Amino acid sequence: MTELGTRLDARQEALYASAVGGSSPRAVLLVLQGMDTSGKGGVISHVAGLVNPQGLHIASFKRPTPEELAHDFLWRIRKQVPGPGMLGVFDRSHYEDVLVVRVDGLVPESEWRSRYERINAFEAELDEQGVAIVKCMLHISPEAQSERLAARLEDPQKYWKYNPGDLDARAKWTDYQAAYADALANCDTDAAPWYVVPSDRKWYRNWAVAALLAETLDAVDPQYPPADFDVEAEKARVRAAV
């Protein structure tokens, strides 16, 4: 992971520098989806933590506020799209509006089904704007989830991570798996493909997401901007100052 982390950090620094230098409008967006305890927070800590936070933008999407509900479901998402040079990370995302909304029956079926096409159009728009999208569905088994929920109740320092509502979602496991299967099938595009990442083993989950990010940054191939000053003249000035 050390070598991969160094590569990821160097590529992200070049991405940030290219935007600061005005030579590139590119950005990268990592979308993390998964059942509770699948490791979205762990990925943010262990993968996004490998890069300079100056070029990092993290957005977490929880239950919509009344203001957000008054707008189109993509309204709050658009506000968090990473700008040029940034690595953006979505902890949950616009896919909540075809997952939990579907499972809990919060909108009619005709509404959530229409969102697949709107999501694809939105992601194609981002791709055209220079935002490379990496979508990772962190796949955890029900057995591993049970172990992680139990572990949170054994450690007082992890009580804050435990939500009694997680068991309510677990009771709808089959419905959620069907919702995820449809989301992956309907929104796996060339502009924004889905990657299903096995997440029972935390080390593998973190390595896999880091590798996908590094490969994406390699494809973006950000370049450091050239100097906008006379390098040799500045070297001479530095020597003279010393």
Protein backbone atom coordinates (compact mmCIF):
# COMPACT_ATOMS: atom_id res chain seq x y z
CA MET A 1 0.00 0.00 0.00
CA THR A 2 2.99 2.30 0.60
CA GLU A 3 4.04 2.29 -3.07
CA LEU A 4 0.43 2.69 -4.20
CA GLY A 5 -0.09 5.52 -1.74
CA THR A 6 2.98 7.34 -3.01
CA ARG A 7 1.76 6.99 -6.60
CA LEU A 8 -1.73 8.17 -5.68
CA ASP A 9 -0.41 11.17 -3.76
CA ALA A 10 1.90 12.20 -6.61
CA ARG A 11 -0.85 11.97 -9.21
CA GLN A 12 -3.31 13.91 -7.06
CA GLU A 13 -0.71 16.62 -6.44
CA ALA A 14 -0.19 16.95 -10.21
CA LEU A 15 -3.97 17.17 -10.68
CA TYR A 16 -4.20 19.98 -8.14
CA ALA A 17 -1.16 21.77 -9.54
CA SER A 18 -2.48 21.59 -13.11
CA ALA A 19 -5.62 23.46 -12.07
CA VAL A 20 -3.74 26.00 -9.96
CA GLY A 21 -1.53 26.66 -12.97
CA GLY A 22 -4.60 27.07 -15.17
CA SER A 23 -3.56 24.33 -17.58
CA SER A 24 -6.35 21.82 -16.89
CA PRO A 25 -10.01 21.83 -15.78
CA ARG A 26 -9.95 18.13 -14.82
CA ALA A 27 -11.22 16.68 -11.55
CA VAL A 28 -11.85 13.20 -10.14
CA LEU A 29 -14.93 12.08 -8.19
CA LEU A 30 -15.00 8.94 -6.06
CA VAL A 31 -18.56 7.77 -5.30
CA LEU A 32 -18.89 5.36 -2.37
CA GLN A 33 -22.06 3.34 -1.84
CA GLY A 34 -22.69 0.33 0.35
CA MET A 35 -24.72 -1.13 3.16
CA ASP A 36 -24.08 0.06 6.71
CA THR A 37 -20.63 -1.03 8.02
CA SER A 38 -19.38 -1.73 4.47
CA GLY A 39 -16.53 0.70 5.09
CA LYS A 40 -17.26 4.02 3.42
CA GLY A 41 -15.67 5.85 6.34
CA GLY A 42 -12.74 3.48 6.38
CA VAL A 43 -12.04 4.12 2.70
CA ILE A 44 -12.16 7.86 3.27
CA SER A 45 -9.72 7.54 6.16
CA HIS A 46 -7.28 5.05 4.63
CA VAL A 47 -7.48 5.94 0.92
CA ALA A 48 -8.41 9.61 0.73
CA GLY A 49 -6.07 10.06 3.70
CA LEU A 50 -3.16 9.18 1.42
CA VAL A 51 -3.41 12.46 -0.48
CA ASN A 52 -2.88 16.11 0.44
CA PRO A 53 -6.11 17.38 2.05
CA GLN A 54 -5.63 20.71 0.26
CA GLY A 55 -6.80 19.05 -2.95
CA LEU A 56 -9.54 16.95 -1.34
CA HIS A 57 -13.28 17.64 -1.09
CA ILE A 58 -15.45 15.23 0.92
CA ALA A 59 -19.24 15.39 0.94
CA SER A 60 -21.52 13.18 3.04
CA PHE A 61 -25.17 12.82 2.03
CA LYS A 62 -27.53 11.95 4.84
CA ARG A 63 -31.31 12.30 5.12
CA PRO A 64 -32.33 15.30 2.95
CA THR A 65 -33.24 18.52 4.73
CA PRO A 66 -36.60 20.23 4.07
CA GLU A 67 -34.78 22.70 1.81
CA GLU A 68 -33.17 19.88 -0.19
CA LEU A 69 -36.48 18.06 -0.52
CA ALA A 70 -37.98 21.19 -2.02
CA HIS A 71 -35.61 20.83 -4.99
CA ASP A 72 -34.83 18.17 -7.56
CA PHE A 73 -32.92 15.22 -6.04
CA LEU A 74 -29.75 16.22 -7.90
CA TRP A 75 -29.78 19.77 -6.53
CA ARG A 76 -27.77 19.02 -3.39
CA ILE A 77 -25.43 16.74 -5.35
CA ARG A 78 -24.50 19.38 -7.93
CA LYS A 79 -23.45 21.73 -5.13
CA GLN A 80 -20.78 19.24 -4.03
CA VAL A 81 -19.24 18.32 -7.40
CA PRO A 82 -15.46 18.81 -7.10
CA GLY A 83 -13.98 21.80 -8.88
CA PRO A 84 -10.95 21.72 -11.22
CA GLY A 85 -7.92 20.05 -9.69
CA MET A 86 -9.86 18.49 -6.83
CA LEU A 87 -10.35 14.90 -5.78
CA GLY A 88 -13.95 14.69 -4.58
CA VAL A 89 -15.33 11.91 -2.41
CA PHE A 90 -19.05 11.25 -1.97
CA ASP A 91 -19.97 9.32 1.19
CA ARG A 92 -23.29 8.05 -0.20
CA SER A 93 -24.60 10.00 -3.16
CA HIS A 94 -27.39 10.58 -5.66
CA TYR A 95 -27.85 6.81 -5.67
CA GLU A 96 -29.63 7.05 -2.33
CA ASP A 97 -32.56 8.31 -4.41
CA VAL A 98 -32.90 4.96 -6.17
CA LEU A 99 -31.94 2.86 -3.12
CA VAL A 100 -33.37 3.89 0.25
CA VAL A 101 -36.10 5.88 -1.50
CA ARG A 102 -37.13 2.72 -3.35
CA VAL A 103 -36.85 0.30 -0.43
CA ASP A 104 -38.73 2.55 1.98
CA GLY A 105 -41.37 3.51 -0.60
CA LEU A 106 -40.73 7.24 -0.23
CA VAL A 107 -41.73 8.02 -3.82
CA PRO A 108 -43.80 6.16 -6.42
CA GLU A 109 -42.03 3.50 -8.48
CA SER A 110 -42.50 5.55 -11.64
CA GLU A 111 -40.50 8.34 -10.00
CA TRP A 112 -37.48 6.36 -8.82
CA ARG A 113 -37.33 4.38 -12.06
CA SER A 114 -37.17 7.62 -14.06
CA ARG A 115 -34.13 8.65 -12.05
CA TYR A 116 -31.83 6.07 -13.66
CA GLU A 117 -31.91 7.97 -16.93
CA ARG A 118 -31.49 11.31 -15.17
CA ILE A 119 -28.51 9.99 -13.22
CA ASN A 120 -26.88 8.76 -16.42
CA ALA A 121 -27.41 12.13 -18.07
CA PHE A 122 -25.96 13.91 -15.02
CA GLU A 123 -22.86 11.72 -14.95
CA ALA A 124 -22.37 12.10 -18.71
CA GLU A 125 -22.53 15.86 -18.20
CA LEU A 126 -19.83 15.66 -15.53
CA ASP A 127 -17.67 13.54 -17.81
CA GLU A 128 -17.98 16.12 -20.58
CA GLN A 129 -16.94 18.81 -18.11
CA GLY A 130 -13.75 16.90 -17.29
CA VAL A 131 -14.78 15.11 -14.09
CA ALA A 132 -13.59 11.50 -14.13
CA ILE A 133 -16.00 9.39 -12.05
CA VAL A 134 -15.08 6.28 -10.05
CA LYS A 135 -18.15 4.57 -8.57
CA CYS A 136 -17.50 1.87 -5.96
CA MET A 137 -20.19 -0.31 -4.46
CA LEU A 138 -18.63 -1.71 -1.28
CA HIS A 139 -20.10 -5.20 -1.07
CA ILE A 140 -20.26 -6.69 2.43
CA SER A 141 -21.75 -10.04 3.42
CA PRO A 142 -24.53 -10.18 6.03
CA GLU A 143 -22.21 -12.23 8.26
CA ALA A 144 -19.47 -9.59 8.19
CA GLN A 145 -22.01 -6.83 8.79
CA SER A 146 -23.35 -8.66 11.85
CA GLU A 147 -19.83 -8.99 13.26
CA ARG A 148 -19.11 -5.29 12.76
CA LEU A 149 -22.38 -4.17 14.32
CA ALA A 150 -21.71 -6.39 17.35
CA ALA A 151 -18.15 -5.05 17.64
CA ARG A 152 -19.45 -1.49 17.84
CA LEU A 153 -21.52 -2.43 20.87
CA GLU A 154 -18.51 -3.96 22.62
CA ASP A 155 -16.36 -0.82 22.42
CA PRO A 156 -17.52 2.40 24.12
CA GLN A 157 -15.34 4.35 21.69
CA LYS A 158 -17.45 3.00 18.83
CA TYR A 159 -20.90 3.61 20.29
CA TRP A 160 -21.12 6.78 18.20
CA LYS A 161 -20.88 4.66 15.07
CA TYR A 162 -23.83 2.49 16.05
CA ASN A 163 -27.29 3.46 14.87
CA PRO A 164 -30.27 1.34 16.02
CA GLY A 165 -31.81 2.11 12.64
CA ASP A 166 -29.10 0.01 11.00
CA LEU A 167 -30.93 -3.12 12.12
CA ASP A 168 -34.10 -1.86 10.45
CA ALA A 169 -32.18 -1.57 7.17
CA ARG A 170 -30.63 -5.01 7.74
CA ALA A 171 -34.12 -6.49 7.97
CA LYS A 172 -34.66 -5.27 4.40
CA TRP A 173 -31.43 -6.86 3.13
CA THR A 174 -33.04 -8.67 0.19
CA ASP A 175 -34.85 -5.52 -0.94
CA TYR A 176 -31.63 -3.51 -0.77
CA GLN A 177 -29.72 -6.11 -2.77
CA ALA A 178 -32.38 -5.94 -5.49
CA ALA A 179 -32.21 -2.14 -5.48
CA TYR A 180 -28.42 -2.20 -5.77
CA ALA A 181 -28.55 -4.76 -8.58
CA ASP A 182 -30.89 -2.53 -10.58
CA ALA A 183 -28.84 0.60 -9.90
CA LEU A 184 -25.67 -1.12 -11.08
CA ALA A 185 -27.36 -2.59 -14.15
CA ASN A 186 -29.08 0.63 -15.20
CA CYS A 187 -26.28 3.10 -14.43
CA ASP A 188 -23.13 1.28 -15.52
CA THR A 189 -21.94 3.44 -18.42
CA ASP A 190 -18.72 4.13 -20.29
CA ALA A 191 -18.62 7.61 -18.75
CA ALA A 192 -19.20 6.33 -15.22
CA PRO A 193 -18.75 2.57 -14.77
CA TRP A 194 -19.54 0.76 -11.54
CA TYR A 195 -16.97 -1.27 -9.62
CA VAL A 196 -18.15 -3.81 -7.05
CA VAL A 197 -15.50 -4.01 -4.34
CA PRO A 198 -15.53 -7.00 -1.93
CA SER A 199 -15.40 -5.41 1.51
CA ASP A 200 -15.38 -8.19 4.08
CA ARG A 201 -11.60 -7.81 4.27
CA LYS A 202 -10.84 -4.18 5.05
CA TRP A 203 -7.27 -4.26 3.76
CA TYR A 204 -8.39 -5.56 0.37
CA ARG A 205 -11.24 -3.04 0.15
CA ASN A 206 -8.86 -0.15 0.80
CA TRP A 207 -6.24 -1.45 -1.63
CA ALA A 208 -8.81 -2.02 -4.39
CA VAL A 209 -10.30 1.47 -4.14
CA ALA A 210 -6.86 3.07 -3.98
CA ALA A 211 -5.80 1.10 -7.08
CA LEU A 212 -8.93 2.19 -8.98
CA LEU A 213 -8.26 5.82 -8.07
CA ALA A 214 -4.62 5.57 -9.11
CA GLU A 215 -5.58 3.99 -12.44
CA THR A 216 -8.12 6.75 -13.05
CA LEU A 217 -5.57 9.45 -12.29
CA ASP A 218 -3.09 7.72 -14.60
CA ALA A 219 -5.70 7.88 -17.36
CA VAL A 220 -6.40 11.56 -16.64
CA ASP A 221 -2.61 12.04 -16.79
CA PRO A 222 -2.40 15.45 -15.08
CA GLN A 223 0.72 17.45 -15.86
CA TYR A 224 2.51 19.96 -13.69
CA PRO A 225 2.23 23.43 -15.25
CA PRO A 226 5.39 24.94 -16.73
CA ALA A 227 7.04 27.82 -14.91
CA ASP A 228 5.69 31.24 -15.79
CA PHE A 229 9.04 32.84 -14.91
CA ASP A 230 12.68 32.57 -15.98
CA VAL A 231 13.91 29.55 -14.00
CA GLU A 232 17.61 30.19 -14.55
CA ALA A 233 17.23 33.84 -13.58
CA GLU A 234 15.45 32.86 -10.38
CA LYS A 235 18.17 30.31 -9.55
CA ALA A 236 20.72 33.07 -9.87
CA ARG A 237 18.67 35.34 -7.62
CA VAL A 238 18.43 32.60 -4.97
CA ARG A 239 22.19 32.00 -5.10
CA ALA A 240 22.81 35.72 -4.78
CA ALA A 241 20.43 35.95 -1.83
CA VAL A 242 22.25 33.13 -0.05
